[in-house]
Protein backbone atom coordinates (compact mmCIF):
# COMPACT_ATOMS: atom_id res chain seq x y z
CA UNK A 1 11.07 -28.80 35.64
CA UNK A 2 12.13 -27.54 32.45
CA UNK A 3 14.92 -29.08 30.26
CA UNK A 4 17.27 -26.83 27.60
CA UNK A 5 19.19 -27.86 25.19
CA UNK A 6 22.06 -25.21 23.28
CA UNK A 7 23.69 -26.61 20.08
CA UNK A 8 26.96 -24.44 19.41
CA UNK A 9 28.84 -24.33 16.52
CA UNK A 10 32.40 -22.31 16.75
CA UNK A 11 35.01 -21.30 14.37
CA UNK A 12 38.35 -21.68 15.81
CA UNK A 13 41.64 -19.75 15.07
CA UNK A 14 45.22 -20.30 15.73
CA UNK A 15 44.51 -23.87 16.08
CA UNK A 16 47.71 -26.15 14.38
CA UNK A 17 46.61 -29.58 14.98
CA UNK A 18 43.63 -31.72 15.98
CA UNK A 19 45.60 -32.71 19.38
CA UNK A 20 46.04 -28.81 20.13
CA UNK A 21 41.90 -28.47 19.24
CA UNK A 22 40.57 -31.52 21.28
CA UNK A 23 42.61 -30.06 24.15
CA UNK A 24 41.14 -26.48 23.91
CA UNK A 25 37.82 -27.92 23.56
CA UNK A 26 38.35 -30.54 26.48
CA UNK A 27 39.44 -27.47 28.46
CA UNK A 28 36.04 -25.43 27.68
CA UNK A 29 34.05 -28.09 28.27
CA UNK A 30 35.38 -28.59 31.70
CA UNK A 31 35.14 -25.45 32.33
CA UNK A 32 31.30 -25.21 31.19
CA UNK A 33 30.42 -28.10 32.67
CA UNK A 34 32.02 -27.33 36.25
CA UNK A 35 30.74 -23.61 35.90
CA UNK A 36 26.92 -24.10 35.11
CA UNK A 37 26.26 -27.74 36.16
CA UNK A 38 25.59 -28.92 32.40
CA UNK A 39 25.99 -32.13 30.72
CA UNK A 40 27.72 -31.07 27.69
CA UNK A 41 29.63 -32.70 24.69
CA UNK A 42 31.40 -31.95 21.31
CA UNK A 43 28.50 -33.14 19.09
CA UNK A 44 30.14 -32.74 15.50
CA UNK A 45 33.40 -31.42 13.61
CA UNK A 46 35.59 -33.57 15.56
CA UNK A 47 37.53 -34.19 12.73
CA UNK A 48 38.23 -30.63 11.22
CA UNK A 49 40.65 -27.89 13.05
CA UNK A 50 38.47 -24.89 12.20
CA UNK A 51 35.18 -26.24 13.58
CA UNK A 52 34.16 -27.32 16.89
CA UNK A 53 30.39 -27.99 17.89
CA UNK A 54 29.21 -28.69 21.51
CA UNK A 55 25.83 -29.57 22.62
CA UNK A 56 24.65 -28.87 26.04
CA UNK A 57 21.97 -30.47 28.13
CA UNK A 58 20.57 -28.85 31.13
CA UNK A 59 17.60 -29.09 33.68
CA UNK A 60 16.40 -25.78 35.67
CA UNK A 61 13.20 -25.25 37.72
CA UNK A 62 11.70 -22.97 35.40
CA UNK A 63 11.95 -21.81 31.56
CA UNK A 64 13.54 -18.43 32.88
CA UNK A 65 16.23 -20.17 34.79
CA UNK A 66 16.87 -22.15 31.59
CA UNK A 67 17.51 -19.14 29.40
CA UNK A 68 19.47 -17.30 31.83
CA UNK A 69 21.83 -20.15 31.83
CA UNK A 70 21.72 -20.68 28.06
CA UNK A 71 22.32 -16.73 27.55
CA UNK A 72 25.07 -16.52 30.34
CA UNK A 73 26.88 -19.89 28.56
CA UNK A 74 26.78 -17.92 25.01
CA UNK A 75 28.07 -14.69 26.63
CA UNK A 76 30.96 -17.06 28.12
CA UNK A 77 32.04 -18.31 24.71
CA UNK A 78 31.73 -15.04 23.05
CA UNK A 79 34.13 -13.52 25.40
CA UNK A 80 36.87 -16.24 24.65
CA UNK A 81 39.68 -15.70 22.87
CA UNK A 82 40.71 -18.03 20.00
CA UNK A 83 36.90 -18.72 18.70
CA UNK A 84 33.74 -17.15 17.47
CA UNK A 85 30.10 -18.25 17.66
CA UNK A 86 29.17 -19.47 13.90
CA UNK A 87 25.56 -20.77 14.82
CA UNK A 88 23.49 -21.58 17.73
CA UNK A 89 20.30 -23.60 18.19
CA UNK A 90 18.45 -23.38 21.33
CA UNK A 91 15.29 -25.67 22.61
CA UNK A 92 13.28 -25.89 25.22
CA UNK A 93 10.95 -28.34 26.71
């Protein structure tokens, strides 16, 4: 078993209120959780309209599977309109 942790900081565009940001992030978290069967939370920058940080934890059978899932998650985030990845941190145990 291999454990992976992915931390991503996102810059958000066009968000006018914290309520709108929370709605966008909640939808994103739900989509990722359902699609990839991972644990995910909004970890930092909860009081900022421009920045959001999410942390994802996953367990797979091999390191390659963990890396593939993290790559796929990052690709999904890069393709989303209205946000860009500012930083990304990966850990594999």
